[in-house]
Structure formats: structure tokens, C-alpha cells
Amino acid sequence: MTSTVTPDTRAEVTLDTDTVDTIAILEAQAEPHTRPTRAKLTWTQEEDGEWIANYGGYFGGSIDKRDGRYVASDTFGLVVGDFESLELAQAQLADQLHTMLPSVIRPVV
């Protein structure tokens, strides 16, 4: 007959009062895990058929009108998609930026 013994790897930790207070304060200040507010997104029409996105103060990409369609490219120049309308292209690029650039997210002003 054999027996398997699993060693207990848990360690006991003793914290001083200051550390416990600090942890309690940090937990109280922590925000719930919700999707952050989007950064402010503005559009500038550079030329006829070309729009530039400013996402939270950074270059967010562009939309070019080509053969009656709207091609959105992200901040890295990668094509996000080809759309029937400017509004659809802008909405898709905005969603892409919100996902790609979480460190830019700030409250919308």
C-alpha cells in the first residue's frame, strides 16, 4: 500500500498595522472592473476625402474615401476596414482605438 503526501506550501504571513491600513485604503480607492470611459476623439478633414483622428491628444489614424467607400487605418497604418459610410468607418476606428490604446483612456471632456 502506498500513500501520497502533498506538502502544504502555504506560508503564514504576519502584517503590521500600518501595512494592513495601507491595504485597506488601497482597496477602498480601487474602482470596480468596468470598461473605462473612452478618450476624447476628434476628427479633422485634411483634404477632400481624408479625415484624421485625434484620440486623447494622439494620432489615432485616418479615413480615406476611395471609389465611394471609406477605408479606415489605425494609428499604426494598419487597415481597420472598408465601409459604406464615413460614420461607420469612424465608429469602427473609435472602437479599435479604445481597445488598442487603453493607456490613452481618460475621462471624456
C-alpha atoms as a PDB file:
ATOM      1  CA  MET A   1       0.000   0.000   0.000  1.00  0.00           C
ATOM      2  CA  THR A   2       1.312   3.461  -0.937  1.00  0.00           C
ATOM      3  CA  SER A   3       0.288   6.894   0.238  1.00  0.00           C
ATOM      4  CA  THR A   4       0.893  10.191  -1.487  1.00  0.00           C
ATOM      5  CA  VAL A   5       1.654  13.077   0.774  1.00  0.00           C
ATOM      6  CA  THR A   6       1.237  16.579  -0.625  1.00  0.00           C
ATOM      7  CA  PRO A   7       3.300  19.107   1.249  1.00  0.00           C
ATOM      8  CA  ASP A   8       1.482  22.216   2.395  1.00  0.00           C
ATOM      9  CA  THR A   9       3.131  25.118   0.546  1.00  0.00           C
ATOM     10  CA  ARG A  10       1.093  27.857   2.167  1.00  0.00           C
ATOM     11  CA  ALA A  11       3.046  30.291   4.267  1.00  0.00           C
ATOM     12  CA  GLU A  12       1.811  32.262   7.192  1.00  0.00           C
ATOM     13  CA  VAL A  13       2.367  35.988   6.908  1.00  0.00           C
ATOM     14  CA  THR A  14       2.149  38.495   9.696  1.00  0.00           C
ATOM     15  CA  LEU A  15       1.456  42.106   8.761  1.00  0.00           C
ATOM     16  CA  ASP A  16       1.930  45.151  10.898  1.00  0.00           C
ATOM     17  CA  THR A  17      -0.927  47.591  11.488  1.00  0.00           C
ATOM     18  CA  ASP A  18       0.445  50.211   9.065  1.00  0.00           C
ATOM     19  CA  THR A  19       0.562  47.679   6.234  1.00  0.00           C
ATOM     20  CA  VAL A  20      -2.986  46.483   6.949  1.00  0.00           C
ATOM     21  CA  ASP A  21      -4.203  50.109   6.971  1.00  0.00           C
ATOM     22  CA  THR A  22      -2.453  50.802   3.670  1.00  0.00           C
ATOM     23  CA  ILE A  23      -4.026  47.740   2.039  1.00  0.00           C
ATOM     24  CA  ALA A  24      -7.474  48.756   3.317  1.00  0.00           C
ATOM     25  CA  ILE A  25      -7.077  52.287   1.899  1.00  0.00           C
ATOM     26  CA  LEU A  26      -5.917  50.987  -1.496  1.00  0.00           C
ATOM     27  CA  GLU A  27      -8.810  48.525  -1.692  1.00  0.00           C
ATOM     28  CA  ALA A  28     -11.292  51.269  -0.813  1.00  0.00           C
ATOM     29  CA  GLN A  29      -9.906  53.515  -3.552  1.00  0.00           C
ATOM     30  CA  ALA A  30      -9.882  50.780  -6.193  1.00  0.00           C
ATOM     31  CA  GLU A  31     -12.509  51.247  -8.868  1.00  0.00           C
ATOM     32  CA  PRO A  32     -14.690  48.356  -9.974  1.00  0.00           C
ATOM     33  CA  HIS A  33     -13.569  46.496 -13.080  1.00  0.00           C
ATOM     34  CA  THR A  34     -15.697  48.241 -15.675  1.00  0.00           C
ATOM     35  CA  ARG A  35     -14.738  49.356 -19.118  1.00  0.00           C
ATOM     36  CA  PRO A  36     -13.132  52.792 -18.798  1.00  0.00           C
ATOM     37  CA  THR A  37     -14.564  55.871 -20.409  1.00  0.00           C
ATOM     38  CA  ARG A  38     -13.273  56.486 -23.890  1.00  0.00           C
ATOM     39  CA  ALA A  39     -10.692  59.143 -24.567  1.00  0.00           C
ATOM     40  CA  LYS A  40     -11.879  62.229 -26.400  1.00  0.00           C
ATOM     41  CA  LEU A  41     -11.912  61.591 -30.150  1.00  0.00           C
ATOM     42  CA  THR A  42     -11.915  64.456 -32.624  1.00  0.00           C
ATOM     43  CA  TRP A  43     -11.796  64.465 -36.408  1.00  0.00           C
ATOM     44  CA  THR A  44     -10.116  66.895 -38.772  1.00  0.00           C
ATOM     45  CA  GLN A  45     -10.730  66.895 -42.501  1.00  0.00           C
ATOM     46  CA  GLU A  46      -7.283  67.430 -44.019  1.00  0.00           C
ATOM     47  CA  GLU A  47      -8.215  67.259 -47.686  1.00  0.00           C
ATOM     48  CA  ASP A  48     -11.273  66.343 -49.662  1.00  0.00           C
ATOM     49  CA  GLY A  49     -11.814  62.685 -48.812  1.00  0.00           C
ATOM     50  CA  GLU A  50      -9.297  62.431 -45.954  1.00  0.00           C
ATOM     51  CA  TRP A  51     -10.073  62.595 -42.216  1.00  0.00           C
ATOM     52  CA  ILE A  52      -7.537  62.417 -39.379  1.00  0.00           C
ATOM     53  CA  ALA A  53      -8.413  61.085 -35.908  1.00  0.00           C
ATOM     54  CA  ASN A  54      -7.049  62.659 -32.734  1.00  0.00           C
ATOM     55  CA  TYR A  55      -7.527  60.200 -29.870  1.00  0.00           C
ATOM     56  CA  GLY A  56      -6.813  61.675 -26.457  1.00  0.00           C
ATOM     57  CA  GLY A  57      -4.197  64.032 -27.914  1.00  0.00           C
ATOM     58  CA  TYR A  58      -2.519  61.356 -30.039  1.00  0.00           C
ATOM     59  CA  PHE A  59      -2.692  60.483 -33.738  1.00  0.00           C
ATOM     60  CA  GLY A  60      -5.417  57.867 -33.908  1.00  0.00           C
ATOM     61  CA  GLY A  61      -5.406  57.019 -37.585  1.00  0.00           C
ATOM     62  CA  SER A  62      -7.160  58.175 -40.702  1.00  0.00           C
ATOM     63  CA  ILE A  63     -10.054  57.543 -43.038  1.00  0.00           C
ATOM     64  CA  ASP A  64      -9.673  57.898 -46.787  1.00  0.00           C
ATOM     65  CA  LYS A  65     -12.523  57.993 -49.287  1.00  0.00           C
ATOM     66  CA  ARG A  66     -11.704  55.673 -52.190  1.00  0.00           C
ATOM     67  CA  ASP A  67     -14.128  54.902 -55.003  1.00  0.00           C
ATOM     68  CA  GLY A  68     -17.128  55.878 -52.885  1.00  0.00           C
ATOM     69  CA  ARG A  69     -16.009  53.722 -49.941  1.00  0.00           C
ATOM     70  CA  TYR A  70     -14.323  54.745 -46.678  1.00  0.00           C
ATOM     71  CA  VAL A  71     -11.103  52.954 -45.691  1.00  0.00           C
ATOM     72  CA  ALA A  72     -10.102  53.318 -42.039  1.00  0.00           C
ATOM     73  CA  SER A  73      -6.497  52.845 -40.922  1.00  0.00           C
ATOM     74  CA  ASP A  74      -5.378  52.761 -37.301  1.00  0.00           C
ATOM     75  CA  THR A  75      -2.598  54.648 -35.548  1.00  0.00           C
ATOM     76  CA  PHE A  76      -0.040  52.146 -36.908  1.00  0.00           C
ATOM     77  CA  GLY A  77      -1.255  52.422 -40.511  1.00  0.00           C
ATOM     78  CA  LEU A  78      -2.988  49.034 -40.495  1.00  0.00           C
ATOM     79  CA  VAL A  79      -6.321  48.885 -42.310  1.00  0.00           C
ATOM     80  CA  VAL A  80      -9.239  48.500 -39.906  1.00  0.00           C
ATOM     81  CA  GLY A  81     -11.817  48.037 -42.634  1.00  0.00           C
ATOM     82  CA  ASP A  82     -13.624  49.263 -45.728  1.00  0.00           C
ATOM     83  CA  PHE A  83     -17.022  50.855 -45.041  1.00  0.00           C
ATOM     84  CA  GLU A  84     -20.082  52.175 -46.868  1.00  0.00           C
ATOM     85  CA  SER A  85     -20.250  55.404 -44.887  1.00  0.00           C
ATOM     86  CA  LEU A  86     -17.954  57.807 -43.076  1.00  0.00           C
ATOM     87  CA  GLU A  87     -19.958  57.324 -39.870  1.00  0.00           C
ATOM     88  CA  LEU A  88     -19.446  53.538 -39.894  1.00  0.00           C
ATOM     89  CA  ALA A  89     -15.717  53.953 -40.558  1.00  0.00           C
ATOM     90  CA  GLN A  90     -15.374  56.480 -37.729  1.00  0.00           C
ATOM     91  CA  ALA A  91     -17.304  54.269 -35.289  1.00  0.00           C
ATOM     92  CA  GLN A  92     -15.208  51.197 -36.107  1.00  0.00           C
ATOM     93  CA  LEU A  93     -11.936  53.108 -35.826  1.00  0.00           C
ATOM     94  CA  ALA A  94     -13.078  54.570 -32.486  1.00  0.00           C
ATOM     95  CA  ASP A  95     -13.792  51.059 -31.158  1.00  0.00           C
ATOM     96  CA  GLN A  96     -10.415  49.853 -32.422  1.00  0.00           C
ATOM     97  CA  LEU A  97      -8.574  52.743 -30.740  1.00  0.00           C
ATOM     98  CA  HIS A  98     -10.379  52.167 -27.466  1.00  0.00           C
ATOM     99  CA  THR A  99      -9.149  48.559 -27.493  1.00  0.00           C
ATOM    100  CA  MET A 100      -5.641  49.243 -28.837  1.00  0.00           C
ATOM    101  CA  LEU A 101      -4.709  52.238 -26.711  1.00  0.00           C
ATOM    102  CA  PRO A 102      -6.005  51.650 -23.176  1.00  0.00           C
ATOM    103  CA  SER A 103      -3.258  53.783 -21.664  1.00  0.00           C
ATOM    104  CA  VAL A 104      -4.653  56.820 -23.514  1.00  0.00           C
ATOM    105  CA  ILE A 105      -8.096  56.437 -21.974  1.00  0.00           C
ATOM    106  CA  ARG A 106      -9.076  59.487 -19.971  1.00  0.00           C
ATOM    107  CA  PRO A 107     -12.435  60.908 -18.982  1.00  0.00           C
ATOM    108  CA  VAL A 108     -14.291  62.437 -21.903  1.00  0.00           C
ATOM    109  CA  VAL A 109     -14.294  66.211 -21.611  1.00  0.00           C
END
